[in-house]
C-alpha atoms as a PDB file:
ATOM      1  CA  MET A   1    -133.259-123.774-140.522  1.00  0.00           C
ATOM      2  CA  ILE A   2    -133.873-123.265-144.233  1.00  0.00           C
ATOM      3  CA  GLY A   3    -131.207-121.502-146.230  1.00  0.00           C
ATOM      4  CA  LEU A   4    -132.051-119.521-149.404  1.00  0.00           C
ATOM      5  CA  THR A   5    -129.739-118.246-152.193  1.00  0.00           C
ATOM      6  CA  VAL A   6    -130.573-116.383-155.365  1.00  0.00           C
ATOM      7  CA  PHE A   7    -128.030-116.499-158.049  1.00  0.00           C
ATOM      8  CA  ASP A   8    -127.428-115.352-161.579  1.00  0.00           C
ATOM      9  CA  THR A   9    -127.599-117.614-164.606  1.00  0.00           C
ATOM     10  CA  ALA A  10    -127.854-117.192-168.337  1.00  0.00           C
ATOM     11  CA  ILE A  11    -131.553-117.428-168.095  1.00  0.00           C
ATOM     12  CA  GLY A  12    -131.998-114.967-165.148  1.00  0.00           C
ATOM     13  CA  SER A  13    -131.935-115.239-161.418  1.00  0.00           C
ATOM     14  CA  VAL A  14    -132.652-118.765-159.914  1.00  0.00           C
ATOM     15  CA  GLY A  15    -133.599-119.276-156.375  1.00  0.00           C
ATOM     16  CA  LEU A  16    -132.783-122.242-154.254  1.00  0.00           C
ATOM     17  CA  ALA A  17    -133.772-123.234-150.710  1.00  0.00           C
ATOM     18  CA  TRP A  18    -132.351-125.990-148.645  1.00  0.00           C
ATOM     19  CA  GLY A  19    -132.608-127.650-145.209  1.00  0.00           C
ATOM     20  CA  GLU A  20    -130.490-130.295-143.398  1.00  0.00           C
ATOM     21  CA  ARG A  21    -132.077-133.122-145.600  1.00  0.00           C
ATOM     22  CA  GLY A  22    -131.434-131.358-148.938  1.00  0.00           C
ATOM     23  CA  ILE A  23    -132.998-129.014-151.434  1.00  0.00           C
ATOM     24  CA  VAL A  24    -136.694-128.104-150.466  1.00  0.00           C
ATOM     25  CA  GLY A  25    -137.327-125.827-153.305  1.00  0.00           C
ATOM     26  CA  VAL A  26    -135.967-124.128-156.559  1.00  0.00           C
ATOM     27  CA  ARG A  27    -137.612-121.107-158.337  1.00  0.00           C
ATOM     28  CA  LEU A  28    -136.855-120.477-161.932  1.00  0.00           C
ATOM     29  CA  PRO A  29    -136.288-116.714-162.992  1.00  0.00           C
ATOM     30  CA  ALA A  30    -139.280-114.384-162.400  1.00  0.00           C
ATOM     31  CA  ALA A  31    -139.428-110.837-163.909  1.00  0.00           C
ATOM     32  CA  THR A  32    -137.013-109.539-161.299  1.00  0.00           C
ATOM     33  CA  VAL A  33    -134.577-110.935-158.725  1.00  0.00           C
ATOM     34  CA  ALA A  34    -136.902-109.699-156.007  1.00  0.00           C
ATOM     35  CA  ALA A  35    -139.759-111.553-157.583  1.00  0.00           C
ATOM     36  CA  THR A  36    -137.829-114.776-157.561  1.00  0.00           C
ATOM     37  CA  ARG A  37    -136.746-114.318-153.971  1.00  0.00           C
ATOM     38  CA  ALA A  38    -140.274-113.498-153.061  1.00  0.00           C
ATOM     39  CA  SER A  39    -141.690-116.589-154.858  1.00  0.00           C
ATOM     40  CA  LEU A  40    -139.302-118.902-152.949  1.00  0.00           C
ATOM     41  CA  LEU A  41    -140.070-117.116-149.739  1.00  0.00           C
ATOM     42  CA  ALA A  42    -143.793-117.552-150.200  1.00  0.00           C
ATOM     43  CA  ARG A  43    -143.251-121.402-150.122  1.00  0.00           C
ATOM     44  CA  HIS A  44    -140.507-121.225-147.487  1.00  0.00           C
ATOM     45  CA  PRO A  45    -141.320-118.144-145.275  1.00  0.00           C
ATOM     46  CA  ASP A  46    -138.851-119.196-142.607  1.00  0.00           C
ATOM     47  CA  ALA A  47    -135.899-119.308-145.044  1.00  0.00           C
ATOM     48  CA  CYS A  48    -132.966-117.103-144.476  1.00  0.00           C
ATOM     49  CA  GLU A  49    -130.373-115.845-146.944  1.00  0.00           C
ATOM     50  CA  ALA A  50    -127.211-117.867-146.374  1.00  0.00           C
ATOM     51  CA  ALA A  51    -124.061-119.085-148.059  1.00  0.00           C
ATOM     52  CA  PRO A  52    -124.727-122.565-149.492  1.00  0.00           C
ATOM     53  CA  PRO A  53    -122.960-125.494-147.977  1.00  0.00           C
ATOM     54  CA  PRO A  54    -120.564-127.424-150.359  1.00  0.00           C
ATOM     55  CA  ALA A  55    -123.127-129.908-151.673  1.00  0.00           C
ATOM     56  CA  ILE A  56    -125.580-127.220-152.360  1.00  0.00           C
ATOM     57  CA  ARG A  57    -122.915-124.914-153.813  1.00  0.00           C
ATOM     58  CA  ASP A  58    -122.128-127.726-156.256  1.00  0.00           C
ATOM     59  CA  VAL A  59    -125.762-127.812-157.368  1.00  0.00           C
ATOM     60  CA  VAL A  60    -125.754-124.034-157.890  1.00  0.00           C
ATOM     61  CA  ASP A  61    -122.669-124.336-160.087  1.00  0.00           C
ATOM     62  CA  ARG A  62    -124.116-127.139-162.051  1.00  0.00           C
ATOM     63  CA  ILE A  63    -127.423-125.143-162.651  1.00  0.00           C
ATOM     64  CA  VAL A  64    -125.292-122.215-163.804  1.00  0.00           C
ATOM     65  CA  ALA A  65    -123.396-124.437-166.205  1.00  0.00           C
ATOM     66  CA  LEU A  66    -126.611-125.902-167.508  1.00  0.00           C
ATOM     67  CA  ALA A  67    -128.033-122.566-168.280  1.00  0.00           C
ATOM     68  CA  ARG A  68    -124.967-121.793-170.173  1.00  0.00           C
ATOM     69  CA  GLY A  69    -125.504-124.867-172.415  1.00  0.00           C
ATOM     70  CA  GLU A  70    -123.148-127.352-170.877  1.00  0.00           C
ATOM     71  CA  ARG A  71    -124.373-130.962-170.510  1.00  0.00           C
ATOM     72  CA  VAL A  72    -124.832-131.285-166.783  1.00  0.00           C
ATOM     73  CA  ASP A  73    -126.272-134.180-164.716  1.00  0.00           C
ATOM     74  CA  LEU A  74    -128.235-132.979-161.785  1.00  0.00           C
ATOM     75  CA  SER A  75    -129.762-136.399-160.893  1.00  0.00           C
ATOM     76  CA  GLY A  76    -127.589-136.889-157.818  1.00  0.00           C
ATOM     77  CA  ALA A  77    -128.595-133.492-156.300  1.00  0.00           C
ATOM     78  CA  PRO A  78    -129.601-133.853-152.626  1.00  0.00           C
ATOM     79  CA  LEU A  79    -133.377-133.399-152.556  1.00  0.00           C
ATOM     80  CA  ASP A  80    -135.451-133.337-149.329  1.00  0.00           C
ATOM     81  CA  ARG A  81    -138.276-135.656-150.317  1.00  0.00           C
ATOM     82  CA  ALA A  82    -140.144-135.426-147.033  1.00  0.00           C
ATOM     83  CA  GLY A  83    -143.842-135.573-147.557  1.00  0.00           C
ATOM     84  CA  LEU A  84    -143.615-136.673-151.359  1.00  0.00           C
ATOM     85  CA  ALA A  85    -146.369-139.025-152.126  1.00  0.00           C
ATOM     86  CA  ASP A  86    -145.424-142.347-153.706  1.00  0.00           C
ATOM     87  CA  PHE A  87    -146.813-141.379-157.160  1.00  0.00           C
ATOM     88  CA  GLN A  88    -144.886-138.133-157.170  1.00  0.00           C
ATOM     89  CA  ALA A  89    -141.758-139.906-156.039  1.00  0.00           C
ATOM     90  CA  ARG A  90    -141.865-142.368-158.861  1.00  0.00           C
ATOM     91  CA  VAL A  91    -142.564-139.475-161.323  1.00  0.00           C
ATOM     92  CA  THR A  92    -139.606-137.548-159.932  1.00  0.00           C
ATOM     93  CA  ASP A  93    -137.340-140.618-160.226  1.00  0.00           C
ATOM     94  CA  VAL A  94    -138.134-141.211-163.852  1.00  0.00           C
ATOM     95  CA  THR A  95    -137.903-137.433-164.681  1.00  0.00           C
ATOM     96  CA  LEU A  96    -134.439-137.217-162.841  1.00  0.00           C
ATOM     97  CA  ALA A  97    -133.087-139.920-165.312  1.00  0.00           C
ATOM     98  CA  ILE A  98    -133.822-137.833-168.470  1.00  0.00           C
ATOM     99  CA  PRO A  99    -130.539-136.503-169.655  1.00  0.00           C
ATOM    100  CA  ALA A 100    -130.115-132.949-171.032  1.00  0.00           C
ATOM    101  CA  GLY A 101    -131.041-132.825-174.661  1.00  0.00           C
ATOM    102  CA  GLU A 102    -133.528-135.717-174.402  1.00  0.00           C
ATOM    103  CA  THR A 103    -137.242-135.870-173.812  1.00  0.00           C
ATOM    104  CA  LEU A 104    -140.009-138.156-172.760  1.00  0.00           C
ATOM    105  CA  THR A 105    -143.768-137.630-173.166  1.00  0.00           C
ATOM    106  CA  TYR A 106    -146.120-137.630-170.088  1.00  0.00           C
ATOM    107  CA  GLY A 107    -147.388-140.862-171.406  1.00  0.00           C
ATOM    108  CA  GLU A 108    -143.947-142.418-171.546  1.00  0.00           C
ATOM    109  CA  VAL A 109    -143.308-141.217-167.981  1.00  0.00           C
ATOM    110  CA  ALA A 110    -146.635-142.893-166.966  1.00  0.00           C
ATOM    111  CA  ARG A 111    -145.727-146.213-168.611  1.00  0.00           C
ATOM    112  CA  ARG A 112    -142.265-146.197-166.889  1.00  0.00           C
ATOM    113  CA  ILE A 113    -143.751-145.817-163.432  1.00  0.00           C
ATOM    114  CA  GLY A 114    -146.168-148.693-164.294  1.00  0.00           C
ATOM    115  CA  GLU A 115    -149.296-146.596-164.789  1.00  0.00           C
ATOM    116  CA  PRO A 116    -149.852-146.413-168.480  1.00  0.00           C
ATOM    117  CA  GLY A 117    -153.165-144.531-168.322  1.00  0.00           C
ATOM    118  CA  ALA A 118    -151.780-141.726-165.975  1.00  0.00           C
ATOM    119  CA  ALA A 119    -150.380-139.190-168.419  1.00  0.00           C
ATOM    120  CA  GLN A 120    -152.558-136.441-166.992  1.00  0.00           C
ATOM    121  CA  ALA A 121    -151.589-137.262-163.450  1.00  0.00           C
ATOM    122  CA  VAL A 122    -147.966-137.292-164.473  1.00  0.00           C
ATOM    123  CA  GLY A 123    -148.645-133.690-165.752  1.00  0.00           C
ATOM    124  CA  ARG A 124    -150.232-132.624-162.535  1.00  0.00           C
ATOM    125  CA  ALA A 125    -147.383-134.147-160.476  1.00  0.00           C
ATOM    126  CA  LEU A 126    -144.723-132.294-162.560  1.00  0.00           C
ATOM    127  CA  GLY A 127    -146.768-129.179-162.256  1.00  0.00           C
ATOM    128  CA  ALA A 128    -146.230-129.414-158.451  1.00  0.00           C
ATOM    129  CA  ASN A 129    -142.452-130.225-158.893  1.00  0.00           C
ATOM    130  CA  PRO A 130    -140.773-128.234-156.143  1.00  0.00           C
ATOM    131  CA  TRP A 131    -137.395-128.584-157.938  1.00  0.00           C
ATOM    132  CA  PRO A 132    -137.757-127.384-161.529  1.00  0.00           C
ATOM    133  CA  ILE A 133    -134.570-127.604-163.517  1.00  0.00           C
ATOM    134  CA  VAL A 134    -132.986-129.997-160.936  1.00  0.00           C
ATOM    135  CA  VAL A 135    -135.823-132.419-161.566  1.00  0.00           C
ATOM    136  CA  PRO A 136    -136.018-131.579-165.213  1.00  0.00           C
ATOM    137  CA  CYS A 137    -139.748-131.465-165.799  1.00  0.00           C
ATOM    138  CA  HIS A 138    -139.104-129.213-168.847  1.00  0.00           C
ATOM    139  CA  ARG A 139    -137.926-132.253-170.668  1.00  0.00           C
ATOM    140  CA  VAL A 140    -141.373-133.953-170.472  1.00  0.00           C
ATOM    141  CA  LEU A 141    -143.564-133.237-173.450  1.00  0.00           C
ATOM    142  CA  ALA A 142    -147.101-133.782-174.383  1.00  0.00           C
ATOM    143  CA  ALA A 143    -148.024-136.391-177.008  1.00  0.00           C
ATOM    144  CA  SER A 144    -146.690-135.949-180.620  1.00  0.00           C
ATOM    145  CA  GLY A 145    -143.898-133.707-179.290  1.00  0.00           C
ATOM    146  CA  LYS A 146    -146.170-130.797-178.276  1.00  0.00           C
ATOM    147  CA  THR A 147    -144.692-128.778-175.509  1.00  0.00           C
ATOM    148  CA  GLY A 148    -147.512-129.266-172.849  1.00  0.00           C
ATOM    149  CA  GLY A 149    -147.658-126.909-169.991  1.00  0.00           C
ATOM    150  CA  PHE A 150    -144.994-125.380-167.603  1.00  0.00           C
ATOM    151  CA  SER A 151    -145.889-123.924-164.254  1.00  0.00           C
ATOM    152  CA  ALA A 152    -142.667-122.009-163.745  1.00  0.00           C
ATOM    153  CA  PRO A 153    -142.367-118.217-164.303  1.00  0.00           C
ATOM    154  CA  GLY A 154    -142.642-117.521-168.106  1.00  0.00           C
ATOM    155  CA  GLY A 155    -144.674-120.733-168.678  1.00  0.00           C
ATOM    156  CA  VAL A 156    -144.018-122.690-171.793  1.00  0.00           C
ATOM    157  CA  ASP A 157    -141.638-119.827-173.113  1.00  0.00           C
ATOM    158  CA  THR A 158    -139.381-120.855-170.209  1.00  0.00           C
ATOM    159  CA  LYS A 159    -139.737-124.529-171.042  1.00  0.00           C
ATOM    160  CA  LEU A 160    -138.833-123.845-174.702  1.00  0.00           C
ATOM    161  CA  THR A 161    -135.855-121.748-173.605  1.00  0.00           C
ATOM    162  CA  LEU A 162    -134.427-124.574-171.514  1.00  0.00           C
ATOM    163  CA  LEU A 163    -134.992-127.159-174.149  1.00  0.00           C
ATOM    164  CA  SER A 164    -133.327-124.879-176.732  1.00  0.00           C
ATOM    165  CA  ILE A 165    -130.310-124.389-174.546  1.00  0.00           C
ATOM    166  CA  GLU A 166    -130.089-128.138-174.161  1.00  0.00           C
ATOM    167  CA  ARG A 167    -130.552-128.426-178.061  1.00  0.00           C
ATOM    168  CA  ALA A 168    -133.568-130.788-177.567  1.00  0.00           C
ATOM    169  CA  ARG A 169    -136.009-131.074-180.401  1.00  0.00           C
ATOM    170  CA  THR A 170    -139.555-130.165-179.254  1.00  0.00           C
ATOM    171  CA  GLY A 171    -141.344-131.816-182.110  1.00  0.00           C
ATOM    172  CA  ALA A 172    -141.139-134.938-184.255  1.00  0.00           C
ATOM    173  CA  ALA A 173    -140.403-133.325-187.557  1.00  0.00           C
ATOM    174  CA  PRO A 174    -137.116-131.808-188.550  1.00  0.00           C
ATOM    175  CA  THR A 175    -136.987-128.015-188.360  1.00  0.00           C
ATOM    176  CA  LEU A 176    -135.487-125.680-191.008  1.00  0.00           C
ATOM    177  CA  PHE A 177    -132.690-124.987-188.471  1.00  0.00           C
ATOM    178  CA  ASP A 178    -131.729-128.530-187.570  1.00  0.00           C
ATOM    179  CA  GLY A 179    -128.076-128.821-187.259  1.00  0.00           C
ATOM    180  CA  ASP A 180    -127.520-125.064-186.583  1.00  0.00           C
ATOM    181  CA  PRO A 181    -126.674-124.532-182.926  1.00  0.00           C
ATOM    182  CA  ALA A 182    -127.309-120.844-183.439  1.00  0.00           C
ATOM    183  CA  PHE A 183    -130.986-121.744-183.368  1.00  0.00           C
ATOM    184  CA  GLY A 184    -130.723-124.111-180.450  1.00  0.00           C
ATOM    185  CA  LEU A 185    -132.862-126.997-181.672  1.00  0.00           C
ATOM    186  CA  ALA A 186    -129.832-128.684-183.203  1.00  0.00           C
ATOM    187  CA  ALA A 187    -129.886-132.336-182.198  1.00  0.00           C
ATOM    188  CA  ARG A 188    -132.810-134.743-182.300  1.00  0.00           C
ATOM    189  CA  PRO A 189    -133.184-136.015-178.774  1.00  0.00           C
ATOM    190  CA  ARG A 190    -132.711-139.785-178.207  1.00  0.00           C
ATOM    191  CA  ARG A 191    -135.434-141.641-176.641  1.00  0.00           C
ATOM    192  CA  ILE A 192    -134.354-143.185-173.391  1.00  0.00           C
END
């Protein structure tokens, strides 16, 4: 059985689906709650609305906190990795290790998995990430700090919103508003 819940966050309604081996999918906010639910059901048509068990409830609570701007670590979230190819699993592991407020480039992820010429393949793997926000693909940028793409609803705007909430810098140069948390891009992310 696949359970499903849709819950409110500061960035909108997030959907999460889980099975007995862990989380099988996450959907970032679409235009409406119904659209978020429909997006999750399109990938998991047998899912049924259910109260999350304690481990999943903990992940829901941490996603809500992260969207509020709290420093939250989701790297220990139970993920159902069944069917994940080796390359995607390695990309997932490196991406899970990027703390809130910090970023890597697609090329840096590629180097960390031992495939320095695979930046585009890393981008494709992250574009297929079934667990956005839990596996923080929004923290991976293109070369020179450019944002790169983002396949979640809202695209790059959603990516920038998440990075802003985390106070991560999206470019190499200081901005006019550095240091002012009201503008979100307050702290230069450390390279990890």
